């Protein structure tokens, strides 16, 4: 494929989807990410698109929201890995809320095996993924169906969440920055997501690396309300994504990074088999009083030995 043909195809994909990762572009045009990055840089110079961390978006600063058919084919390996790791954070018998999105849909498929779980959601896709889970109770909000992402929105959805209290919320969105937190391109979706956040003691954001540094129109979760981010490993050359992750960690967000080699098809994979890097919170959160309530499990709780205990074990073996 000639360079002009590649760039035309790249431009058509970005216009159709709103945002596309370099990995996906390279797969479609059947070339390397290095070549695709060069093409994206040339198209940006012409004002036809904007570069973002690990991908390309429509020009203008704020990305528009893609429909479900487009989203479901983007960053599928990354979403699978993120869902695998996030599922390991859920305890038996918990009550949680799960927002709308293709990444949260992947999470729901894995939650079907958690006994005694109660899931509150405004997403038809999440509810469908849990419909045949005998040991999981699904509670749906009211509201008006938004067909582009199969979610219930509006005053009915928000009112049904009043007075609700659960241990944590799992949310996705269109963009995530350290400055504004999680954001989305639709006002109605943003309003319901804010209501979901108000119902939860902790907030877990699921976002692949292409959303890092992307800012969209409506803020849903400010950074100081995000407890943990579950994301995938950014490409080695993506310095801006790494910088964004560090900025989020500096503001108290715990970062859990999953490998991008999750098994397709929604099969549950134990979280301890995934690559994981937790960035500890540097002191108390702004305006947050420590409590003895539910907390996310640490790497040690998931069966990963700490460096101190590992050294002590080796020393004991040597003495024997």
Foldseek 3Di string as FASTA:
>chain_A
DDLVVLLVVLLVLQVQAQKAFLVVSCVVVVHDSVSSVVSLVVCVVVVQWADFQRIIGGPDQATAHGFPVSQLPGLVLFLQQLLLQVLLQDAAQFEEEEEFDNSSLLNLLQVLPRANYEYEYQAPSSCVSNVPSPRYHYHYFAADADRRGRGHWDPRRLVSLPPAAGAEYEYEEQAAFLQFGGFHADPRSLVNLLSSLVRHPAYEYEDELRRYPRDHDGGRDGLLRHAEYEYEDRDPVRVVSVVRVVSSLQQFYWYWYWYSRRDPDSDHDHNLVTDTDTRGGPDDGVPDDDDPDDDGDDNVNSPDDDPVVVVVVVVVVVVD
